N, C-alpha and C. Protein backbone atom coordinates (compact mmCIF):
# COMPACT_ATOMS: atom_id res chain seq x y z
N UNK A 1 -29.84 130.06 -60.55
CA UNK A 1 -30.34 129.00 -61.41
C UNK A 1 -30.70 129.61 -62.76
N UNK A 2 -30.25 128.99 -63.82
CA UNK A 2 -30.48 129.53 -65.15
C UNK A 2 -31.65 128.87 -65.85
N UNK A 3 -32.42 128.05 -65.15
CA UNK A 3 -33.57 127.41 -65.78
C UNK A 3 -34.77 127.52 -64.84
N UNK A 4 -35.90 127.88 -65.40
CA UNK A 4 -37.14 127.98 -64.65
C UNK A 4 -38.13 127.05 -65.34
N UNK A 5 -38.52 125.95 -64.67
CA UNK A 5 -39.49 125.04 -65.28
C UNK A 5 -40.82 125.74 -65.56
N UNK A 6 -41.53 125.30 -66.56
CA UNK A 6 -42.83 125.86 -66.90
C UNK A 6 -43.94 124.89 -66.53
N UNK A 7 -45.12 125.41 -66.32
CA UNK A 7 -46.28 124.58 -66.01
C UNK A 7 -46.09 123.82 -64.72
N UNK A 8 -46.52 122.58 -64.73
CA UNK A 8 -46.46 121.75 -63.52
C UNK A 8 -45.17 120.93 -63.44
N UNK A 9 -44.13 121.38 -64.14
CA UNK A 9 -42.86 120.66 -64.12
C UNK A 9 -42.02 121.05 -62.91
N UNK A 10 -41.20 120.11 -62.48
CA UNK A 10 -40.32 120.29 -61.32
C UNK A 10 -38.91 119.91 -61.75
N UNK A 11 -37.93 120.72 -61.37
CA UNK A 11 -36.52 120.42 -61.65
C UNK A 11 -35.94 119.73 -60.42
N UNK A 12 -35.42 118.51 -60.61
CA UNK A 12 -34.86 117.75 -59.49
C UNK A 12 -33.44 117.32 -59.84
N UNK A 13 -32.69 116.97 -58.81
CA UNK A 13 -31.34 116.44 -58.98
C UNK A 13 -31.27 115.14 -58.20
N UNK A 14 -30.85 114.08 -58.88
CA UNK A 14 -30.74 112.78 -58.21
C UNK A 14 -29.74 112.83 -57.06
N UNK A 15 -30.06 112.13 -55.99
CA UNK A 15 -29.15 112.01 -54.85
C UNK A 15 -28.17 110.90 -55.19
N UNK A 16 -26.89 111.22 -55.16
CA UNK A 16 -25.86 110.24 -55.48
C UNK A 16 -25.71 109.24 -54.34
N UNK A 17 -25.77 107.97 -54.68
CA UNK A 17 -25.58 106.92 -53.68
C UNK A 17 -24.09 106.72 -53.44
N UNK A 18 -23.76 106.33 -52.22
CA UNK A 18 -22.37 106.07 -51.90
C UNK A 18 -21.90 104.83 -52.67
N UNK A 19 -20.65 104.88 -53.13
CA UNK A 19 -20.09 103.77 -53.89
C UNK A 19 -19.80 102.60 -52.96
N UNK A 20 -20.31 101.44 -53.32
CA UNK A 20 -20.07 100.25 -52.50
C UNK A 20 -19.13 99.32 -53.24
N UNK A 21 -18.15 98.85 -52.52
CA UNK A 21 -17.19 97.90 -53.08
C UNK A 21 -17.43 96.57 -52.37
N UNK A 22 -17.66 95.54 -53.15
CA UNK A 22 -17.91 94.22 -52.57
C UNK A 22 -16.82 93.27 -53.01
N UNK A 23 -16.10 92.75 -52.08
CA UNK A 23 -15.06 91.77 -52.40
C UNK A 23 -13.96 92.34 -53.27
N UNK A 24 -13.71 93.64 -53.17
CA UNK A 24 -12.65 94.26 -53.95
C UNK A 24 -13.04 94.58 -55.38
N UNK A 25 -14.31 94.36 -55.74
CA UNK A 25 -14.76 94.64 -57.11
C UNK A 25 -15.51 95.96 -57.11
N UNK A 26 -15.06 96.88 -57.96
CA UNK A 26 -15.73 98.17 -58.10
C UNK A 26 -16.67 98.07 -59.29
N UNK A 27 -17.93 98.40 -59.03
CA UNK A 27 -18.94 98.33 -60.09
C UNK A 27 -18.90 99.65 -60.88
N UNK A 28 -18.74 99.60 -62.20
CA UNK A 28 -18.69 100.82 -63.00
C UNK A 28 -20.03 101.55 -62.98
N UNK A 29 -19.99 102.88 -63.18
CA UNK A 29 -21.21 103.69 -63.16
C UNK A 29 -22.25 103.21 -64.15
N UNK A 30 -21.82 102.72 -65.30
CA UNK A 30 -22.77 102.28 -66.33
C UNK A 30 -23.55 101.04 -65.91
N UNK A 31 -23.05 100.28 -64.95
CA UNK A 31 -23.73 99.07 -64.51
C UNK A 31 -24.58 99.30 -63.25
N UNK A 32 -24.43 100.46 -62.64
CA UNK A 32 -25.18 100.76 -61.42
C UNK A 32 -26.59 101.20 -61.77
N UNK A 33 -27.53 100.91 -60.86
CA UNK A 33 -28.89 101.40 -61.03
C UNK A 33 -28.93 102.87 -60.62
N UNK A 34 -29.77 103.63 -61.29
CA UNK A 34 -29.92 105.04 -60.95
C UNK A 34 -30.69 105.17 -59.65
N UNK A 35 -30.32 106.14 -58.85
CA UNK A 35 -31.03 106.40 -57.61
C UNK A 35 -32.44 106.89 -57.92
N UNK A 36 -33.40 106.47 -57.10
CA UNK A 36 -34.77 106.93 -57.29
C UNK A 36 -35.07 108.11 -56.37
N UNK A 37 -34.10 108.50 -55.57
CA UNK A 37 -34.29 109.61 -54.65
C UNK A 37 -33.67 110.86 -55.26
N UNK A 38 -34.39 111.99 -55.15
CA UNK A 38 -33.92 113.24 -55.74
C UNK A 38 -34.30 114.41 -54.84
N UNK A 39 -33.63 115.53 -55.04
CA UNK A 39 -33.91 116.75 -54.31
C UNK A 39 -34.56 117.75 -55.26
N UNK A 40 -35.63 118.40 -54.81
CA UNK A 40 -36.32 119.41 -55.62
C UNK A 40 -35.46 120.68 -55.65
N UNK A 41 -35.12 121.12 -56.86
CA UNK A 41 -34.28 122.30 -57.05
C UNK A 41 -35.12 123.53 -57.38
N UNK A 42 -36.11 123.38 -58.26
CA UNK A 42 -36.96 124.51 -58.67
C UNK A 42 -38.33 124.00 -59.08
N UNK A 43 -39.34 124.87 -58.91
CA UNK A 43 -40.71 124.55 -59.28
C UNK A 43 -41.13 125.39 -60.47
N UNK A 44 -42.05 124.84 -61.25
CA UNK A 44 -42.56 125.55 -62.42
C UNK A 44 -43.55 126.63 -62.03
N UNK A 45 -44.27 127.11 -63.02
CA UNK A 45 -45.24 128.18 -62.80
C UNK A 45 -46.55 127.65 -62.23
N UNK A 46 -46.76 126.34 -62.25
CA UNK A 46 -47.96 125.73 -61.68
C UNK A 46 -49.02 125.47 -62.72
N UNK A 47 -50.00 124.67 -62.33
CA UNK A 47 -51.12 124.39 -63.23
C UNK A 47 -52.36 125.11 -62.71
N UNK A 48 -53.35 125.19 -63.56
CA UNK A 48 -54.60 125.86 -63.20
C UNK A 48 -55.75 124.88 -63.29
N UNK A 49 -56.73 125.06 -62.42
CA UNK A 49 -57.91 124.19 -62.46
C UNK A 49 -58.87 124.69 -63.54
N UNK A 50 -60.04 124.06 -63.63
CA UNK A 50 -61.01 124.42 -64.68
C UNK A 50 -61.50 125.86 -64.57
N UNK A 51 -61.48 126.40 -63.35
CA UNK A 51 -61.93 127.78 -63.15
C UNK A 51 -60.82 128.80 -63.38
N UNK A 52 -59.62 128.33 -63.71
CA UNK A 52 -58.50 129.22 -63.95
C UNK A 52 -57.74 129.60 -62.69
N UNK A 53 -58.07 128.95 -61.59
CA UNK A 53 -57.42 129.22 -60.31
C UNK A 53 -56.14 128.38 -60.21
N UNK A 54 -55.07 128.99 -59.68
CA UNK A 54 -53.79 128.28 -59.55
C UNK A 54 -53.90 127.15 -58.53
N UNK A 55 -53.37 125.99 -58.89
CA UNK A 55 -53.33 124.83 -57.99
C UNK A 55 -51.93 124.78 -57.38
N UNK A 56 -51.81 124.84 -56.04
CA UNK A 56 -50.48 124.84 -55.43
C UNK A 56 -49.76 123.50 -55.59
N UNK A 57 -48.44 123.56 -55.63
CA UNK A 57 -47.62 122.35 -55.70
C UNK A 57 -47.70 121.62 -54.36
N UNK A 58 -47.57 120.30 -54.40
CA UNK A 58 -47.53 119.52 -53.17
C UNK A 58 -46.11 119.36 -52.66
N UNK A 59 -45.14 119.63 -53.51
CA UNK A 59 -43.73 119.58 -53.10
C UNK A 59 -43.20 121.00 -53.05
N UNK A 60 -42.09 121.18 -52.33
CA UNK A 60 -41.47 122.51 -52.27
C UNK A 60 -39.98 122.36 -52.49
N UNK A 61 -39.33 123.46 -52.77
CA UNK A 61 -37.89 123.47 -53.01
C UNK A 61 -37.18 122.90 -51.79
N UNK A 62 -36.25 121.97 -52.03
CA UNK A 62 -35.49 121.34 -50.96
C UNK A 62 -36.04 120.00 -50.50
N UNK A 63 -37.28 119.65 -50.89
CA UNK A 63 -37.86 118.35 -50.53
C UNK A 63 -37.08 117.22 -51.16
N UNK A 64 -36.97 116.11 -50.44
CA UNK A 64 -36.41 114.87 -51.03
C UNK A 64 -37.60 114.05 -51.48
N UNK A 65 -37.57 113.65 -52.75
CA UNK A 65 -38.70 112.95 -53.34
C UNK A 65 -38.25 111.65 -54.00
N UNK A 66 -39.21 110.78 -54.26
CA UNK A 66 -38.96 109.54 -55.00
C UNK A 66 -39.50 109.73 -56.41
N UNK A 67 -38.67 109.40 -57.40
CA UNK A 67 -39.07 109.49 -58.79
C UNK A 67 -38.87 108.12 -59.44
N UNK A 68 -39.55 107.90 -60.55
CA UNK A 68 -39.36 106.64 -61.24
C UNK A 68 -37.96 106.59 -61.81
N UNK A 69 -37.43 105.40 -61.95
CA UNK A 69 -36.03 105.23 -62.32
C UNK A 69 -35.69 105.83 -63.67
N UNK A 70 -36.60 105.76 -64.62
CA UNK A 70 -36.31 106.26 -65.96
C UNK A 70 -37.25 107.39 -66.37
N UNK A 71 -37.92 108.01 -65.40
CA UNK A 71 -38.88 109.08 -65.69
C UNK A 71 -38.20 110.42 -65.89
N UNK A 72 -38.93 111.34 -66.51
CA UNK A 72 -38.45 112.70 -66.67
C UNK A 72 -37.53 112.88 -67.86
N UNK A 73 -37.12 114.12 -68.05
CA UNK A 73 -36.22 114.49 -69.14
C UNK A 73 -34.91 114.97 -68.55
N UNK A 74 -33.82 114.24 -68.80
CA UNK A 74 -32.52 114.68 -68.26
C UNK A 74 -32.01 115.93 -68.98
N UNK A 75 -31.49 116.88 -68.20
CA UNK A 75 -30.88 118.08 -68.75
C UNK A 75 -29.56 118.32 -68.03
N UNK A 76 -28.61 118.91 -68.74
CA UNK A 76 -27.30 119.20 -68.15
C UNK A 76 -27.10 120.71 -68.18
N UNK A 77 -26.87 121.30 -67.01
CA UNK A 77 -26.67 122.74 -66.90
C UNK A 77 -25.33 122.97 -66.21
N UNK A 78 -24.42 123.63 -66.91
CA UNK A 78 -23.09 123.92 -66.38
C UNK A 78 -22.41 122.67 -65.82
N UNK A 79 -22.57 121.55 -66.53
CA UNK A 79 -21.91 120.30 -66.17
C UNK A 79 -22.61 119.51 -65.09
N UNK A 80 -23.73 119.99 -64.58
CA UNK A 80 -24.47 119.28 -63.53
C UNK A 80 -25.74 118.70 -64.14
N UNK A 81 -26.02 117.42 -63.83
CA UNK A 81 -27.19 116.75 -64.39
C UNK A 81 -28.42 116.94 -63.52
N UNK A 82 -29.51 117.35 -64.16
CA UNK A 82 -30.81 117.52 -63.50
C UNK A 82 -31.84 116.74 -64.29
N UNK A 83 -33.05 116.66 -63.73
CA UNK A 83 -34.16 116.00 -64.43
C UNK A 83 -35.37 116.92 -64.33
N UNK A 84 -36.02 117.16 -65.47
CA UNK A 84 -37.28 117.88 -65.51
C UNK A 84 -38.39 116.83 -65.50
N UNK A 85 -39.27 116.91 -64.52
CA UNK A 85 -40.30 115.90 -64.36
C UNK A 85 -41.61 116.58 -63.99
N UNK A 86 -42.73 116.05 -64.44
CA UNK A 86 -44.02 116.60 -64.06
C UNK A 86 -44.33 116.21 -62.62
N UNK A 87 -44.99 117.11 -61.89
CA UNK A 87 -45.27 116.83 -60.48
C UNK A 87 -46.08 115.54 -60.31
N UNK A 88 -46.98 115.24 -61.25
CA UNK A 88 -47.77 114.01 -61.17
C UNK A 88 -46.91 112.75 -61.25
N UNK A 89 -45.70 112.87 -61.79
CA UNK A 89 -44.80 111.73 -61.92
C UNK A 89 -43.96 111.48 -60.68
N UNK A 90 -44.03 112.39 -59.70
CA UNK A 90 -43.31 112.20 -58.44
C UNK A 90 -44.07 111.19 -57.62
N UNK A 91 -43.37 110.16 -57.15
CA UNK A 91 -44.02 109.04 -56.47
C UNK A 91 -44.31 109.33 -55.00
N UNK A 92 -43.48 110.15 -54.36
CA UNK A 92 -43.71 110.46 -52.96
C UNK A 92 -42.63 111.37 -52.41
N UNK A 93 -42.88 111.87 -51.18
CA UNK A 93 -41.94 112.72 -50.49
C UNK A 93 -41.28 111.89 -49.39
N UNK A 94 -39.95 111.96 -49.29
CA UNK A 94 -39.19 111.17 -48.30
C UNK A 94 -39.07 111.98 -47.02
N UNK A 95 -39.40 111.32 -45.90
CA UNK A 95 -39.18 111.88 -44.58
C UNK A 95 -40.07 112.98 -44.24
């Protein structure tokens, strides 16, 4: 991985939904809603509490998480799209 998130940021990759064809009509990618499910790829350096003690992340690498549909900052690395998002913006852990 060529990117290491800083602070309490988490690098995630959206889980691609299977393409559904209804009645022979293929919906173009631009009209589809973005998946809210993502996989954690990398964790940042973490945040510190008021005493300067490191606060552990609640998610770990490989977790499937729910993110807001338009949250985070999209980044493209070697042709693959990822999202940098703060841990506080993660809505929950799946499964």
